[in-house]
Amino acid sequence: MCHWPGSDPLSREAGEGWGGGASSIPNLPPGTTLRILSDGSAGHEAQTLGVAQALGVTPDIRCVAPRAIYAALAPFTPADPRDGFAHAPPYPDIAIAAGRRTLPALKRLKRDSGGRTFTVYLNKPANGLSAADLIIAPRHDGLRGANVFSPLTPANRLTPERLAAARAAPDPRIAALPRPRIALIVGGDSRHGAYGAKDIAALEHIAASLLASGRGVMATASRRTPTALRERLRRALAAPSGFFWDGEGENPYLSMLANADAIVVTGDSVNMVGEAVATAAPVYVVPPPGRRGKIDAYLGALRDAGAIRIWSGALEDWRRAPVNATPDIARAVAQAIRPLPRRVVNFERPSLFCAALPWQGARLLEAFGRPPIAALAQLVEHLIRNEGVGGSNPSSGTKPIFDHAGIVRVALGADRDHVLTTFCSCGTLAIAN
């Protein structure tokens, strides 16, 4: 059902000509199916689920777990046969993936579906622009291409409605804290650097000093947070006006973000920072340890946009607007797969004909040049086989092919008695003699 939008420069950055707000996201056709390929990472799932949520589609989530050799060499190996369910039929209209271990299965799904499934990859793929039909690579990744959309922040599941609901009914452990309330969102070790004794002491000091100033302080750690840092924060926030979530009970992360008067977040995770700036609270980022090339570029862009301030040792009095690129990302996906406008195309001008077909059909026609009758028959067979169409002989009736709007009428060169008419608006293909 997917068209490649040659008229839409998807390498534009979020906020630059895309408009704003979820209400301007184009509606997907009823019955649109969406599959998420997950590697089990909470951060990756937050992004893929956020896009699916913004598109208004309930996803089919399939988690890949490639064996060691496949995982180590991904995305440059075939999909692990053990993950065959991830690219098995029935083929979805859209597939969204994040994480390099999902890329082999995403590529295999594209191939096995005959090109029918429109593939989307979140973040910068190691295997280049051919990784997916649409690549959502955050601006700090520096990736550019005709099929690349570059938002300022990654996608997330926060919406104004979810935040408002969490403010209206805060977690009791959060509601018990005095105001102003400060959320301390702590990450941890990554491939770029680890938290040493000096870094741990600095974060403990931030928690203790905020608490000593009379503010309520609520903190949460991530799976990557070192045990030593967890323990130091737990001790620092043991006072009545402090709260450290230790994994017991319901996760109060959303309630912390929604009810914070200010947020202090470590800069080791683009997701955590992106979720913090999706609120309206002032956000302060504590620079992470280790190598920080891309992280510094990301934080610098957010600072220049007025979305964050780098932690300097004290809270300041300032205000800002929420920054959330998720609606822009969903809009880019919806625009990339939307049906093209109605048009009538003559076969004597293959470039126009190609623009009216799904992109895989266009590539097939480009290979034929100015197709003869035999090539047309081959194209029809290709569409029937690879668009998942069943039924009787296509020359004797109509066949459901794809759900594009518009009518394509093709006069076949000298043999004008044969006309191929594609009634895309009603999802049928007919060959009339």
Protein backbone atom coordinates (compact mmCIF):
# COMPACT_ATOMS: atom_id res chain seq x y z
CA MET A 1 0.00 0.00 0.00
CA CYS A 2 3.05 2.19 0.09
CA HIS A 3 4.13 4.92 -2.24
CA TRP A 4 7.59 6.48 -2.20
CA PRO A 5 7.02 10.22 -1.94
CA GLY A 6 9.49 11.58 -4.43
CA SER A 7 7.96 15.04 -4.04
CA ASP A 8 8.57 15.14 -0.29
CA PRO A 9 12.17 15.85 0.83
CA LEU A 10 12.25 13.65 3.91
CA SER A 11 15.71 14.88 4.84
CA ARG A 12 14.12 18.06 6.15
CA GLU A 13 14.55 18.47 9.86
CA ALA A 14 11.71 18.34 12.33
CA GLY A 15 10.05 21.68 12.74
CA GLU A 16 11.23 22.94 9.38
CA GLY A 17 8.14 22.92 7.22
CA TRP A 18 6.37 19.98 8.79
CA GLY A 19 3.92 21.90 10.93
CA GLY A 20 3.13 20.94 14.49
CA GLY A 21 0.78 18.98 16.65
CA ALA A 22 -0.63 15.48 16.45
CA SER A 23 -3.84 16.78 14.88
CA SER A 24 -2.00 17.47 11.61
CA ILE A 25 -0.73 13.88 11.24
CA PRO A 26 -2.37 12.48 8.09
CA ASN A 27 -4.81 9.65 8.80
CA LEU A 28 -3.69 6.19 7.75
CA PRO A 29 -6.21 4.10 5.80
CA PRO A 30 -8.56 2.05 8.00
CA GLY A 31 -7.17 -1.39 8.73
CA THR A 32 -3.53 -0.35 8.36
CA THR A 33 -1.34 -2.97 10.03
CA LEU A 34 1.93 -2.18 11.79
CA ARG A 35 4.60 -4.49 13.14
CA ILE A 36 7.32 -3.48 15.58
CA LEU A 37 10.59 -5.39 15.54
CA SER A 38 12.11 -5.10 19.00
CA ASP A 39 15.47 -6.15 20.41
CA GLY A 40 14.12 -5.95 23.95
CA SER A 41 15.78 -2.62 24.74
CA ALA A 42 13.50 -0.38 26.80
CA GLY A 43 14.87 2.70 25.07
CA HIS A 44 14.28 1.32 21.59
CA GLU A 45 10.79 0.16 22.48
CA ALA A 46 9.92 3.58 23.88
CA GLN A 47 10.74 5.06 20.47
CA THR A 48 8.96 2.51 18.29
CA LEU A 49 5.88 2.40 20.51
CA GLY A 50 5.81 6.20 20.59
CA VAL A 51 5.64 6.37 16.79
CA ALA A 52 2.96 3.66 16.61
CA GLN A 53 0.94 5.47 19.27
CA ALA A 54 1.21 8.79 17.41
CA LEU A 55 0.08 7.07 14.19
CA GLY A 56 -2.97 5.70 16.00
CA VAL A 57 -2.20 2.07 15.17
CA THR A 58 -2.04 -0.83 17.62
CA PRO A 59 1.22 -2.63 16.79
CA ASP A 60 2.07 -6.30 16.54
CA ILE A 61 5.31 -6.50 18.55
CA ARG A 62 7.82 -9.21 17.68
CA CYS A 63 11.00 -9.40 19.72
CA VAL A 64 14.10 -10.79 18.04
CA ALA A 65 16.78 -12.56 20.05
CA PRO A 66 19.49 -13.53 17.59
CA ARG A 67 22.11 -16.01 18.72
CA ALA A 68 25.56 -14.73 19.65
CA ILE A 69 27.21 -14.87 16.23
CA TYR A 70 24.23 -13.24 14.50
CA ALA A 71 23.95 -10.56 17.19
CA ALA A 72 27.67 -9.77 17.16
CA LEU A 73 27.78 -9.27 13.40
CA ALA A 74 24.42 -7.53 12.97
CA PRO A 75 23.39 -5.78 10.81
CA PHE A 76 25.80 -7.35 8.31
CA THR A 77 24.55 -10.93 8.69
CA PRO A 78 21.32 -12.57 7.53
CA ALA A 79 18.49 -12.79 10.01
CA ASP A 80 18.87 -15.61 12.50
CA PRO A 81 16.57 -18.43 11.28
CA ARG A 82 15.39 -18.75 14.87
CA ASP A 83 13.84 -15.27 14.50
CA GLY A 84 11.83 -16.29 11.44
CA PHE A 85 8.56 -15.31 13.13
CA ALA A 86 9.68 -11.67 12.97
CA HIS A 87 9.45 -11.62 9.17
CA ALA A 88 6.72 -14.22 8.72
CA PRO A 89 3.34 -13.56 7.07
CA PRO A 90 0.81 -12.09 7.22
CA TYR A 91 2.95 -9.19 6.09
CA PRO A 92 2.17 -5.82 7.68
CA ASP A 93 1.67 -2.57 5.83
CA ILE A 94 4.33 -0.88 7.98
CA ALA A 95 7.25 -2.28 9.97
CA ILE A 96 9.17 -0.14 12.47
CA ALA A 97 12.44 -1.26 14.03
CA ALA A 98 15.15 0.17 16.27
CA GLY A 99 18.46 -1.35 17.29
CA ARG A 100 21.05 -2.92 15.00
CA ARG A 101 20.03 -6.48 15.94
CA THR A 102 16.62 -5.88 14.36
CA LEU A 103 17.99 -4.77 11.00
CA PRO A 104 18.55 -8.22 9.43
CA ALA A 105 14.95 -9.20 10.23
CA LEU A 106 13.69 -5.83 8.90
CA LYS A 107 15.52 -6.34 5.61
CA ARG A 108 14.26 -9.93 5.37
CA LEU A 109 10.68 -8.77 6.02
CA LYS A 110 10.98 -6.26 3.19
CA ARG A 111 12.25 -8.98 0.86
CA ASP A 112 9.81 -11.69 1.86
CA SER A 113 6.85 -9.35 1.50
CA GLY A 114 7.85 -8.66 -2.08
CA GLY A 115 8.38 -5.03 -1.19
CA ARG A 116 4.82 -4.62 0.06
CA THR A 117 5.80 -3.74 3.63
CA PHE A 118 6.98 -0.16 4.12
CA THR A 119 9.96 -0.30 6.46
CA VAL A 120 11.02 2.36 8.96
CA TYR A 121 14.21 2.31 11.01
CA LEU A 122 14.76 4.58 14.00
CA ASN A 123 18.29 5.87 14.61
CA LYS A 124 21.32 5.76 12.32
CA PRO A 125 21.75 2.34 10.68
CA ALA A 126 25.26 0.92 10.40
CA ASN A 127 24.45 -0.56 7.00
CA GLY A 128 23.58 2.72 5.31
CA LEU A 129 20.60 4.27 3.59
CA SER A 130 19.39 0.99 2.11
CA ALA A 131 18.49 -0.27 5.59
CA ALA A 132 14.86 0.85 5.28
CA ASP A 133 12.45 2.80 3.12
CA LEU A 134 12.46 5.60 5.69
CA ILE A 135 15.17 6.26 8.25
CA ILE A 136 14.49 8.45 11.29
CA ALA A 137 17.99 9.52 12.32
CA PRO A 138 18.20 12.23 14.99
CA ARG A 139 19.87 15.42 13.85
CA HIS A 140 23.00 14.83 15.93
CA ASP A 141 23.72 11.62 13.97
CA GLY A 142 24.56 13.76 10.94
CA LEU A 143 22.95 11.35 8.46
CA ARG A 144 21.55 12.85 5.28
CA GLY A 145 19.72 11.25 2.39
CA ALA A 146 16.55 11.31 0.30
CA ASN A 147 14.91 8.79 2.66
CA VAL A 148 16.15 10.34 5.92
CA PHE A 149 14.13 12.44 8.35
CA SER A 150 16.18 14.22 11.02
CA PRO A 151 14.27 15.23 14.18
CA LEU A 152 15.82 17.15 17.04
CA THR A 153 14.87 14.51 19.61
CA PRO A 154 14.04 10.80 19.37
CA ALA A 155 10.46 9.58 19.56
CA ASN A 156 8.89 8.85 22.93
CA ARG A 157 5.54 7.87 24.43
CA LEU A 158 4.89 11.11 26.31
CA THR A 159 1.88 13.14 25.21
CA PRO A 160 0.24 16.20 26.73
CA GLU A 161 -2.71 13.97 27.66
CA ARG A 162 -0.59 11.41 29.51
CA LEU A 163 1.28 14.13 31.38
CA ALA A 164 -1.95 15.89 32.33
CA ALA A 165 -3.44 12.63 33.63
CA ALA A 166 -0.33 11.96 35.70
CA ARG A 167 -0.54 15.47 37.19
CA ALA A 168 -4.21 15.02 38.02
CA ALA A 169 -3.56 11.71 39.80
CA PRO A 170 0.05 11.73 41.01
CA ASP A 171 1.74 8.70 42.51
CA PRO A 172 1.12 8.92 46.30
CA ARG A 173 4.87 8.75 46.95
CA ILE A 174 5.33 11.81 44.74
CA ALA A 175 2.32 13.68 46.09
CA ALA A 176 3.72 13.35 49.62
CA LEU A 177 6.84 15.37 48.75
CA PRO A 178 6.97 19.13 49.44
CA ARG A 179 7.07 21.62 46.60
CA PRO A 180 8.89 22.70 44.64
CA ARG A 181 9.65 19.13 43.56
CA ILE A 182 12.84 18.33 41.67
CA ALA A 183 13.13 15.15 39.59
CA LEU A 184 16.62 13.65 39.42
CA ILE A 185 16.74 11.23 36.45
CA VAL A 186 19.93 9.17 36.52
CA GLY A 187 21.36 6.99 33.76
CA GLY A 188 24.57 5.05 33.97
CA ASP A 189 27.46 3.40 32.21
CA SER A 190 27.51 3.18 28.43
CA ARG A 191 29.97 2.24 25.70
CA HIS A 192 31.09 5.88 25.73
CA GLY A 193 32.07 6.04 29.39
CA ALA A 194 31.53 4.72 32.91
CA TYR A 195 30.65 6.53 36.12
CA GLY A 196 33.71 6.62 38.36
CA ALA A 197 34.03 7.64 41.99
CA LYS A 198 34.22 11.34 41.14
CA ASP A 199 31.08 11.23 38.98
CA ILE A 200 29.18 9.30 41.65
CA ALA A 201 30.19 11.78 44.33
CA ALA A 202 29.07 14.69 42.14
CA LEU A 203 25.59 13.24 41.65
CA GLU A 204 25.28 12.46 45.36
CA HIS A 205 26.20 16.07 46.10
CA ILE A 206 23.51 17.36 43.68
CA ALA A 207 20.85 15.26 45.42
CA ALA A 208 21.96 16.27 48.90
CA SER A 209 22.25 19.99 48.11
CA LEU A 210 18.80 20.13 46.50
CA LEU A 211 17.34 18.37 49.53
CA ALA A 212 19.13 20.74 51.92
CA SER A 213 17.61 23.74 50.11
CA GLY A 214 14.14 22.68 51.29
CA ARG A 215 12.95 21.20 48.02
CA GLY A 216 11.32 17.83 47.54
CA VAL A 217 13.67 15.57 45.59
CA MET A 218 12.53 12.45 43.74
CA ALA A 219 15.08 10.28 41.94
CA THR A 220 15.04 7.24 39.73
CA ALA A 221 17.85 5.18 38.25
CA SER A 222 18.08 3.10 35.06
CA ARG A 223 19.17 -0.45 34.35
CA ARG A 224 22.63 0.93 33.58
CA THR A 225 23.11 2.76 36.89
CA PRO A 226 26.07 1.35 38.85
CA THR A 227 25.22 -0.23 42.19
CA ALA A 228 27.51 2.20 44.03
CA LEU A 229 25.64 5.18 42.60
CA ARG A 230 22.27 3.67 43.51
CA GLU A 231 23.32 3.20 47.10
CA ARG A 232 24.74 6.70 47.46
CA LEU A 233 21.53 8.24 46.09
CA ARG A 234 19.40 6.04 48.32
CA ARG A 235 21.27 7.25 51.41
CA ALA A 236 21.23 10.89 50.29
CA LEU A 237 17.46 10.86 49.79
CA ALA A 238 16.49 8.96 52.94
CA ALA A 239 15.00 12.12 54.50
CA PRO A 240 11.19 12.65 54.55
CA SER A 241 11.37 15.16 51.71
CA GLY A 242 13.34 12.76 49.53
CA PHE A 243 12.34 9.70 47.52
CA PHE A 244 14.50 7.23 45.59
CA TRP A 245 12.68 4.60 43.60
CA ASP A 246 14.41 1.28 44.23
CA GLY A 247 12.34 -0.83 41.89
CA GLU A 248 9.66 -1.68 44.43
CA GLY A 249 6.03 -1.05 43.51
CA GLU A 250 4.76 0.73 40.43
CA ASN A 251 7.31 2.65 38.40
CA PRO A 252 6.75 6.36 39.22
CA TYR A 253 8.83 7.66 36.28
CA LEU A 254 5.90 9.27 34.44
CA SER A 255 4.55 10.76 37.65
CA MET A 256 7.99 12.22 38.41
CA LEU A 257 8.23 13.89 35.01
CA ALA A 258 4.68 15.19 35.11
CA ASN A 259 4.88 16.60 38.65
CA ALA A 260 8.39 18.04 38.59
CA ASP A 261 8.89 21.77 38.96
CA ALA A 262 12.37 21.23 37.52
CA ILE A 263 14.25 18.23 36.15
CA VAL A 264 17.93 17.37 36.52
CA VAL A 265 18.92 14.54 34.14
CA THR A 266 22.23 12.92 33.30
CA GLY A 267 23.21 13.34 29.68
CA ASP A 268 24.28 9.76 28.93
CA SER A 269 20.93 8.88 27.32
CA VAL A 270 19.36 10.78 24.44
CA ASN A 271 16.06 9.13 25.32
CA MET A 272 16.04 10.33 28.93
CA VAL A 273 16.91 13.87 27.92
CA GLY A 274 14.33 13.76 25.13
CA GLU A 275 11.60 12.67 27.54
CA ALA A 276 12.60 15.36 30.03
CA VAL A 277 12.29 18.16 27.45
CA ALA A 278 8.89 16.80 26.38
CA THR A 279 7.56 18.25 29.64
CA ALA A 280 7.22 21.96 30.35
CA ALA A 281 9.57 21.90 33.36
CA PRO A 282 12.99 23.57 33.21
CA VAL A 283 15.56 20.88 32.36
CA TYR A 284 19.17 20.82 33.54
CA VAL A 285 21.58 18.28 32.06
CA VAL A 286 24.58 16.90 33.94
CA PRO A 287 27.23 16.13 31.29
CA PRO A 288 28.11 12.42 31.24
CA PRO A 289 31.57 10.92 31.61
CA GLY A 290 33.67 9.61 28.73
CA ARG A 291 33.66 10.36 25.01
CA ARG A 292 30.81 12.69 24.12
CA GLY A 293 30.99 13.64 20.43
CA LYS A 294 27.39 12.97 19.41
CA ILE A 295 26.02 13.58 22.90
CA ASP A 296 27.63 17.02 22.95
CA ALA A 297 26.14 17.78 19.53
CA TYR A 298 22.70 16.69 20.78
CA LEU A 299 22.92 18.69 24.00
CA GLY A 300 24.27 21.70 22.14
CA ALA A 301 21.33 21.68 19.73
CA LEU A 302 18.87 21.44 22.62
CA ARG A 303 20.62 24.25 24.47
CA ASP A 304 20.55 26.43 21.36
CA ALA A 305 16.83 25.70 21.03
CA GLY A 306 16.27 26.89 24.60
CA ALA A 307 15.13 23.42 25.71
CA ILE A 308 17.86 22.73 28.31
CA ARG A 309 20.55 24.32 30.39
CA ILE A 310 23.74 22.59 31.39
CA TRP A 311 23.88 22.04 35.16
CA SER A 312 26.10 24.66 36.76
CA GLY A 313 25.48 23.87 40.41
CA ALA A 314 22.25 25.79 41.08
CA LEU A 315 18.66 26.05 39.88
CA GLU A 316 17.66 29.18 38.00
CA ASP A 317 14.35 30.91 37.36
CA TRP A 318 13.41 30.31 33.71
CA ARG A 319 10.61 28.97 31.56
CA ARG A 320 10.42 27.11 28.28
CA ALA A 321 8.00 25.35 25.96
CA PRO A 322 7.89 21.54 25.65
CA VAL A 323 9.94 20.00 22.84
CA ASN A 324 8.71 16.69 21.45
CA ALA A 325 9.50 15.54 17.92
CA THR A 326 7.25 12.45 18.06
CA PRO A 327 4.33 14.07 16.17
CA ASP A 328 6.77 15.26 13.49
CA ILE A 329 8.20 11.74 13.18
CA ALA A 330 4.75 10.18 12.88
CA ARG A 331 3.83 12.80 10.28
CA ALA A 332 6.95 11.94 8.26
CA VAL A 333 5.98 8.25 8.29
CA ALA A 334 2.36 8.96 7.34
CA GLN A 335 3.38 11.30 4.53
CA ALA A 336 5.88 8.79 3.20
CA ILE A 337 3.26 6.07 2.78
CA ARG A 338 0.24 8.18 1.90
CA PRO A 339 -1.44 7.54 -1.47
CA LEU A 340 -0.33 9.84 -4.25
CA PRO A 341 -2.82 12.25 -5.86
CA ARG A 342 -5.08 11.08 -8.66
CA ARG A 343 -3.36 11.14 -11.99
CA VAL A 344 -3.71 9.67 -15.48
CA VAL A 345 -0.45 8.41 -16.89
CA ASN A 346 0.48 7.45 -20.44
CA PHE A 347 2.81 4.50 -20.89
CA GLU A 348 4.71 6.55 -23.47
CA ARG A 349 5.99 8.58 -20.50
CA PRO A 350 7.31 5.93 -18.13
CA SER A 351 8.57 8.46 -15.61
CA LEU A 352 5.00 9.56 -14.90
CA PHE A 353 3.82 5.97 -14.80
CA CYS A 354 6.54 5.14 -12.29
CA ALA A 355 5.40 7.99 -10.06
CA ALA A 356 1.95 6.45 -9.83
CA LEU A 357 3.10 2.98 -8.82
CA PRO A 358 4.50 1.71 -5.54
CA TRP A 359 8.20 2.39 -5.53
CA GLN A 360 9.13 -1.27 -6.14
CA GLY A 361 6.93 -1.31 -9.25
CA ALA A 362 8.53 1.93 -10.39
CA ARG A 363 11.99 0.41 -10.12
CA LEU A 364 10.84 -2.58 -12.18
CA LEU A 365 9.51 -0.32 -14.92
CA GLU A 366 12.65 1.78 -14.93
CA ALA A 367 14.60 -1.38 -15.68
CA PHE A 368 12.32 -2.06 -18.68
CA GLY A 369 12.63 1.47 -20.08
CA ARG A 370 9.64 1.79 -22.46
CA PRO A 371 8.00 -1.58 -21.74
CA PRO A 372 6.52 -3.75 -24.50
CA ILE A 373 3.45 -5.94 -24.02
CA ALA A 374 5.55 -8.80 -22.63
CA ALA A 375 7.12 -6.52 -20.05
CA LEU A 376 3.70 -5.28 -19.01
CA ALA A 377 2.53 -8.87 -18.52
CA GLN A 378 5.63 -9.47 -16.42
CA LEU A 379 4.86 -6.37 -14.34
CA VAL A 380 1.26 -7.48 -13.76
CA GLU A 381 2.49 -10.91 -12.67
CA HIS A 382 5.01 -9.22 -10.37
CA LEU A 383 2.31 -7.12 -8.73
CA ILE A 384 -0.06 -10.05 -8.27
CA ARG A 385 2.61 -12.31 -6.81
CA ASN A 386 4.32 -9.74 -4.61
CA GLU A 387 1.35 -7.70 -3.42
CA GLY A 388 -0.18 -10.84 -1.93
CA VAL A 389 -3.05 -10.99 -4.42
CA GLY A 390 -5.05 -14.15 -5.04
CA GLY A 391 -7.80 -15.14 -7.44
CA SER A 392 -8.35 -16.29 -10.99
CA ASN A 393 -6.49 -15.37 -14.13
CA PRO A 394 -5.98 -11.59 -14.06
CA SER A 395 -6.97 -11.27 -17.72
CA SER A 396 -10.46 -12.52 -16.98
CA GLY A 397 -11.50 -10.31 -14.14
CA THR A 398 -10.51 -7.85 -11.46
CA LYS A 399 -7.97 -8.41 -8.70
CA PRO A 400 -7.31 -6.47 -5.48
CA ILE A 401 -3.81 -5.08 -5.80
CA PHE A 402 -3.18 -2.01 -3.68
CA ASP A 403 -5.14 0.68 -1.93
CA HIS A 404 -3.74 3.76 -3.64
CA ALA A 405 -6.03 6.61 -4.62
CA GLY A 406 -6.01 7.56 -8.29
CA ILE A 407 -6.46 5.96 -11.70
CA VAL A 408 -3.58 4.84 -13.90
CA ARG A 409 -4.43 4.38 -17.56
CA VAL A 410 -1.70 3.09 -19.84
CA ALA A 411 -1.83 3.01 -23.63
CA LEU A 412 0.48 0.21 -24.76
CA GLY A 413 2.47 1.73 -27.60
CA ALA A 414 1.37 0.55 -31.04
CA ASP A 415 -1.00 -2.09 -29.70
CA ARG A 416 -3.73 0.32 -28.65
CA ASP A 417 -6.33 -2.40 -28.25
CA HIS A 418 -4.79 -3.52 -25.00
CA VAL A 419 -5.28 -1.11 -22.16
CA LEU A 420 -4.21 -1.66 -18.59
CA THR A 421 -6.44 0.21 -16.16
CA THR A 422 -5.70 0.25 -12.48
CA PHE A 423 -8.68 1.34 -10.42
CA CYS A 424 -6.72 2.05 -7.30
CA SER A 425 -9.52 3.85 -5.51
CA CYS A 426 -11.52 0.59 -5.27
CA GLY A 427 -8.49 -1.66 -4.98
CA THR A 428 -8.87 -3.59 -8.25
CA LEU A 429 -6.79 -4.35 -11.29
CA ALA A 430 -8.39 -5.13 -14.68
CA ILE A 431 -6.95 -5.89 -18.10
CA ALA A 432 -9.45 -4.95 -20.77
CA ASN A 433 -9.22 -6.21 -24.36
